[in-house]
Amino acid sequence: MPSYLDEFHAVDNGLVYVTPAQASRFAKEVAGDFNPIHNPDAKRFCVPGDLLFCLVLARYGVSARMAFSFTNMVGAGVGLHFPATDDATLEITDGGERVYLRVERDGEVSRDGALLEGLTKQYAAFSGQNFPHVMVPLMKAQGVMVNPQRPLVFYESMALEFTRLPAEAPNLSFTNATMAVNGKRGDVVLEFALTASGEQVGTGRKKLVISGLRPFEQDVVDDLVSQYDGWKAVYSAR
């Protein structure tokens, strides 16, 4: 398992635990994600989906084709069961019937430590740049915005598909983003390319859900972006 992940989880009685402090540090320091839902004192605190993705790859390796469905948010104190299986489909649960993440995988598998560490770090950093750089232009184009008092943006799914698994960690670059609005809900799809040694070796996509949408107001969005940038600046100055 990539050693950097040791700081962001613990194993007790076979279950994986992520404390709110660990989740918040991962979001801010690895992903550059300052979504308040990952703050330890958030009323609807949840562990970042990016951290769950990284933990899955660290335990099972990266397959040529992988699809992740996030079915429930992981709150504080939840112990996660990562089954010992080579099955094409696996579920991350709380040890009972509640499923938090469903993973489908197929094809060649790599468990190379350097590849996994580079890929997971790159993906987390890419993912954390969604707001405001990608999300704000999408919302403006659709004439909607998040609720500034309670901005709820969360992971629904993501997928990776490699034409070949590279020997070294691939570079990840943004290629496209779309947003579909249905009432107060917005579905955002982000697409990216994976390249190694100057050659494209794969593609990926991530789907986010925004709830509580309201009509776009430029001044309000500007204030929200300023507040977000302020959170980053304060944290960086610590």
Protein backbone atom coordinates (compact mmCIF):
# COMPACT_ATOMS: atom_id res chain seq x y z
CA MET A 1 0.00 0.00 0.00
CA PRO A 2 1.38 3.49 -0.81
CA SER A 3 2.93 4.62 2.46
CA TYR A 4 1.49 8.13 2.32
CA LEU A 5 -1.99 6.65 2.95
CA ASP A 6 -0.90 5.35 6.38
CA GLU A 7 -1.52 8.84 7.77
CA PHE A 8 -5.11 8.89 6.62
CA HIS A 9 -6.63 5.69 7.98
CA ALA A 10 -6.24 3.01 10.62
CA VAL A 11 -7.19 -0.66 10.78
CA ASP A 12 -8.88 -2.08 13.86
CA ASN A 13 -10.33 -5.60 14.09
CA GLY A 14 -10.11 -5.92 10.32
CA LEU A 15 -12.10 -2.73 9.65
CA VAL A 16 -10.72 0.45 8.11
CA TYR A 17 -11.43 3.66 9.99
CA VAL A 18 -10.92 7.24 8.83
CA THR A 19 -11.26 9.88 11.53
CA PRO A 20 -12.75 13.28 10.66
CA ALA A 21 -9.32 14.84 11.24
CA GLN A 22 -7.66 12.36 8.86
CA ALA A 23 -10.37 12.89 6.23
CA SER A 24 -10.03 16.67 6.47
CA ARG A 25 -6.24 16.54 6.17
CA PHE A 26 -6.40 14.27 3.13
CA ALA A 27 -8.94 16.52 1.42
CA LYS A 28 -6.91 19.66 2.04
CA GLU A 29 -3.32 18.44 1.82
CA VAL A 30 -3.48 15.72 -0.86
CA ALA A 31 -6.52 16.71 -2.94
CA GLY A 32 -6.48 20.48 -2.35
CA ASP A 33 -10.22 20.12 -1.70
CA PHE A 34 -11.78 22.61 0.73
CA ASN A 35 -15.38 21.44 0.38
CA PRO A 36 -16.77 22.15 3.90
CA ILE A 37 -18.49 18.75 3.95
CA HIS A 38 -15.07 17.27 4.78
CA ASN A 39 -14.45 19.56 7.76
CA PRO A 40 -14.38 17.63 11.06
CA ASP A 41 -17.16 19.79 12.54
CA ALA A 42 -19.45 19.65 9.49
CA LYS A 43 -23.04 18.63 10.30
CA ARG A 44 -23.07 16.34 7.26
CA PHE A 45 -19.41 15.36 7.47
CA CYS A 46 -18.26 12.64 5.10
CA VAL A 47 -14.99 10.99 4.18
CA PRO A 48 -13.79 12.16 0.72
CA GLY A 49 -14.68 9.78 -2.07
CA ASP A 50 -11.17 10.37 -3.43
CA LEU A 51 -9.69 8.83 -0.27
CA LEU A 52 -11.93 5.76 -0.65
CA PHE A 53 -10.81 5.46 -4.27
CA CYS A 54 -7.15 5.64 -3.20
CA LEU A 55 -7.65 3.02 -0.48
CA VAL A 56 -9.34 0.65 -2.94
CA LEU A 57 -6.48 0.91 -5.44
CA ALA A 58 -3.93 0.51 -2.65
CA ARG A 59 -5.57 -2.74 -1.52
CA TYR A 60 -6.61 -4.30 -4.82
CA GLY A 61 -4.31 -2.71 -7.38
CA VAL A 62 -5.42 -0.94 -10.53
CA SER A 63 -7.26 -2.94 -13.18
CA ALA A 64 -7.41 -2.12 -16.88
CA ARG A 65 -11.11 -1.29 -16.47
CA MET A 66 -12.63 -0.10 -13.20
CA ALA A 67 -15.97 1.46 -12.28
CA PHE A 68 -16.83 2.90 -8.86
CA SER A 69 -20.35 3.63 -7.59
CA PHE A 70 -20.61 5.62 -4.34
CA THR A 71 -23.89 4.51 -2.78
CA ASN A 72 -23.68 6.08 0.69
CA MET A 73 -21.56 8.74 2.35
CA VAL A 74 -19.09 7.53 5.00
CA GLY A 75 -19.61 9.48 8.20
CA ALA A 76 -17.55 9.69 11.38
CA GLY A 77 -16.89 6.46 13.25
CA VAL A 78 -17.82 4.11 10.39
CA GLY A 79 -15.63 1.01 10.13
CA LEU A 80 -15.25 -0.17 6.53
CA HIS A 81 -14.87 -3.79 5.48
CA PHE A 82 -12.62 -4.35 2.45
CA PRO A 83 -13.27 -7.98 1.45
CA ALA A 84 -10.43 -10.32 0.51
CA THR A 85 -11.61 -11.28 -2.97
CA ASP A 86 -10.53 -11.50 -6.58
CA ASP A 87 -14.13 -11.26 -7.81
CA ALA A 88 -14.96 -8.88 -10.64
CA THR A 89 -17.42 -7.06 -8.36
CA LEU A 90 -16.70 -6.11 -4.77
CA GLU A 91 -18.53 -4.03 -2.18
CA ILE A 92 -17.09 -1.89 0.60
CA THR A 93 -19.52 -2.16 3.52
CA ASP A 94 -19.71 -1.38 7.22
CA GLY A 95 -19.36 -5.09 7.93
CA GLY A 96 -23.13 -5.41 7.72
CA GLU A 97 -25.62 -4.77 4.95
CA ARG A 98 -24.91 -1.08 4.31
CA VAL A 99 -22.88 -0.66 1.11
CA TYR A 100 -20.81 2.49 0.71
CA LEU A 101 -18.90 1.75 -2.46
CA ARG A 102 -19.37 -0.80 -5.22
CA VAL A 103 -16.42 -1.57 -7.48
CA GLU A 104 -16.42 -3.42 -10.81
CA ARG A 105 -13.11 -4.40 -12.36
CA ASP A 106 -11.83 -6.32 -15.34
CA GLY A 107 -8.64 -7.03 -17.23
CA GLU A 108 -4.95 -6.83 -16.42
CA VAL A 109 -4.00 -5.78 -12.87
CA SER A 110 -0.97 -3.84 -11.61
CA ARG A 111 0.02 -3.68 -7.94
CA ASP A 112 3.21 -1.73 -8.55
CA GLY A 113 3.66 0.59 -5.56
CA ALA A 114 5.14 3.52 -7.47
CA LEU A 115 2.41 3.34 -10.12
CA LEU A 116 -0.35 3.23 -7.50
CA GLU A 117 1.10 6.08 -5.43
CA GLY A 118 1.57 8.31 -8.46
CA LEU A 119 -1.86 7.53 -9.93
CA THR A 120 -3.78 8.00 -6.67
CA LYS A 121 -1.99 11.25 -5.81
CA GLN A 122 -2.53 12.64 -9.30
CA TYR A 123 -6.17 11.68 -9.34
CA ALA A 124 -6.84 13.20 -5.92
CA ALA A 125 -5.09 16.45 -6.90
CA PHE A 126 -7.01 16.61 -10.20
CA SER A 127 -10.28 15.92 -8.46
CA GLY A 128 -9.71 18.63 -5.88
CA GLN A 129 -9.46 21.30 -8.60
CA ASN A 130 -13.09 20.88 -9.64
CA PHE A 131 -14.17 23.94 -7.67
CA PRO A 132 -14.01 26.70 -8.66
CA HIS A 133 -12.04 26.21 -11.91
CA VAL A 134 -14.46 23.80 -13.61
CA MET A 135 -17.68 24.04 -11.61
CA VAL A 136 -18.20 27.80 -11.67
CA PRO A 137 -18.10 28.15 -15.50
CA LEU A 138 -20.47 25.16 -15.81
CA MET A 139 -22.93 26.62 -13.31
CA LYS A 140 -22.80 30.03 -14.97
CA ALA A 141 -23.51 28.51 -18.38
CA GLN A 142 -26.55 26.72 -16.93
CA GLY A 143 -27.74 29.76 -14.95
CA VAL A 144 -27.61 27.95 -11.60
CA MET A 145 -25.44 27.89 -8.50
CA VAL A 146 -25.00 25.97 -5.25
CA ASN A 147 -26.70 27.05 -2.05
CA PRO A 148 -24.00 29.35 -0.58
CA GLN A 149 -25.13 28.57 2.98
CA ARG A 150 -24.92 24.82 2.46
CA PRO A 151 -23.09 23.88 -0.74
CA LEU A 152 -23.69 20.16 -1.22
CA VAL A 153 -21.47 18.61 -3.88
CA PHE A 154 -20.75 14.91 -3.66
CA TYR A 155 -19.37 11.98 -5.62
CA GLU A 156 -21.71 9.59 -7.43
CA SER A 157 -19.41 7.52 -9.64
CA MET A 158 -16.12 7.35 -11.50
CA ALA A 159 -14.46 5.05 -14.01
CA LEU A 160 -11.04 4.29 -15.46
CA GLU A 161 -10.23 2.48 -18.69
CA PHE A 162 -6.70 1.77 -19.87
CA THR A 163 -5.72 0.62 -23.35
CA ARG A 164 -2.64 -0.67 -21.55
CA LEU A 165 -1.37 -0.38 -17.99
CA PRO A 166 1.82 1.72 -18.04
CA ALA A 167 4.99 0.78 -16.20
CA GLU A 168 5.13 4.21 -14.55
CA ALA A 169 2.49 6.50 -13.04
CA PRO A 170 0.50 8.13 -15.86
CA ASN A 171 -0.11 11.85 -16.13
CA LEU A 172 -3.72 12.90 -15.78
CA SER A 173 -5.17 15.83 -17.74
CA PHE A 174 -8.65 17.32 -17.91
CA THR A 175 -10.39 16.95 -21.29
CA ASN A 176 -14.08 17.88 -20.94
CA ALA A 177 -16.90 18.73 -18.55
CA THR A 178 -20.68 18.78 -18.92
CA MET A 179 -23.56 19.64 -16.60
CA ALA A 180 -27.20 18.56 -16.79
CA VAL A 181 -29.75 20.35 -14.58
CA ASN A 182 -32.98 18.78 -13.39
CA GLY A 183 -34.80 21.12 -11.01
CA LYS A 184 -32.62 21.65 -7.94
CA ARG A 185 -30.25 18.82 -8.88
CA GLY A 186 -27.25 19.06 -11.16
CA ASP A 187 -25.26 16.15 -12.61
CA VAL A 188 -21.70 17.05 -13.56
CA VAL A 189 -19.49 14.73 -15.64
CA LEU A 190 -15.76 15.39 -15.78
CA GLU A 191 -13.58 13.57 -18.31
CA PHE A 192 -9.81 13.16 -18.32
CA ALA A 193 -7.01 11.49 -20.26
CA LEU A 194 -4.18 9.34 -18.93
CA THR A 195 -0.83 9.55 -20.69
CA ALA A 196 2.56 7.92 -20.21
CA SER A 197 5.79 8.60 -22.14
CA GLY A 198 3.89 11.02 -24.36
CA GLU A 199 1.28 8.41 -25.35
CA GLN A 200 -2.35 8.27 -24.26
CA VAL A 201 -2.85 5.02 -22.36
CA GLY A 202 -6.34 5.51 -20.96
CA THR A 203 -9.33 7.68 -20.13
CA GLY A 204 -11.50 8.35 -17.12
CA ARG A 205 -14.67 10.05 -16.06
CA LYS A 206 -16.08 11.27 -12.78
CA LYS A 207 -19.69 12.11 -11.99
CA LEU A 208 -20.66 14.59 -9.29
CA VAL A 209 -24.08 15.53 -7.96
CA ILE A 210 -24.97 19.02 -6.78
CA SER A 211 -28.14 19.44 -4.74
CA GLY A 212 -30.06 22.54 -3.68
CA LEU A 213 -29.43 24.49 -6.90
CA ARG A 214 -30.79 28.02 -7.22
CA PRO A 215 -30.64 30.78 -9.86
CA PHE A 216 -27.14 32.01 -10.63
CA GLU A 217 -26.05 35.29 -9.00
CA GLN A 218 -22.59 36.48 -9.99
CA ASP A 219 -21.99 38.51 -6.82
CA VAL A 220 -22.93 35.58 -4.59
CA VAL A 221 -20.70 33.18 -6.54
CA ASP A 222 -17.83 35.68 -6.42
CA ASP A 223 -18.22 35.85 -2.63
CA LEU A 224 -18.31 32.04 -2.41
CA VAL A 225 -15.12 31.69 -4.49
CA SER A 226 -13.44 34.38 -2.39
CA GLN A 227 -14.46 32.55 0.79
CA TYR A 228 -13.17 29.25 -0.63
CA ASP A 229 -9.85 30.83 -1.58
CA GLY A 230 -9.70 32.34 1.91
CA TRP A 231 -10.07 28.91 3.52
CA LYS A 232 -7.17 27.65 1.41
CA ALA A 233 -4.99 30.64 2.26
CA VAL A 234 -5.66 30.35 6.00
CA TYR A 235 -4.93 26.60 5.98
CA SER A 236 -1.75 27.06 3.94
CA ALA A 237 -0.49 29.70 6.38
CA ARG A 238 -0.77 27.34 9.37
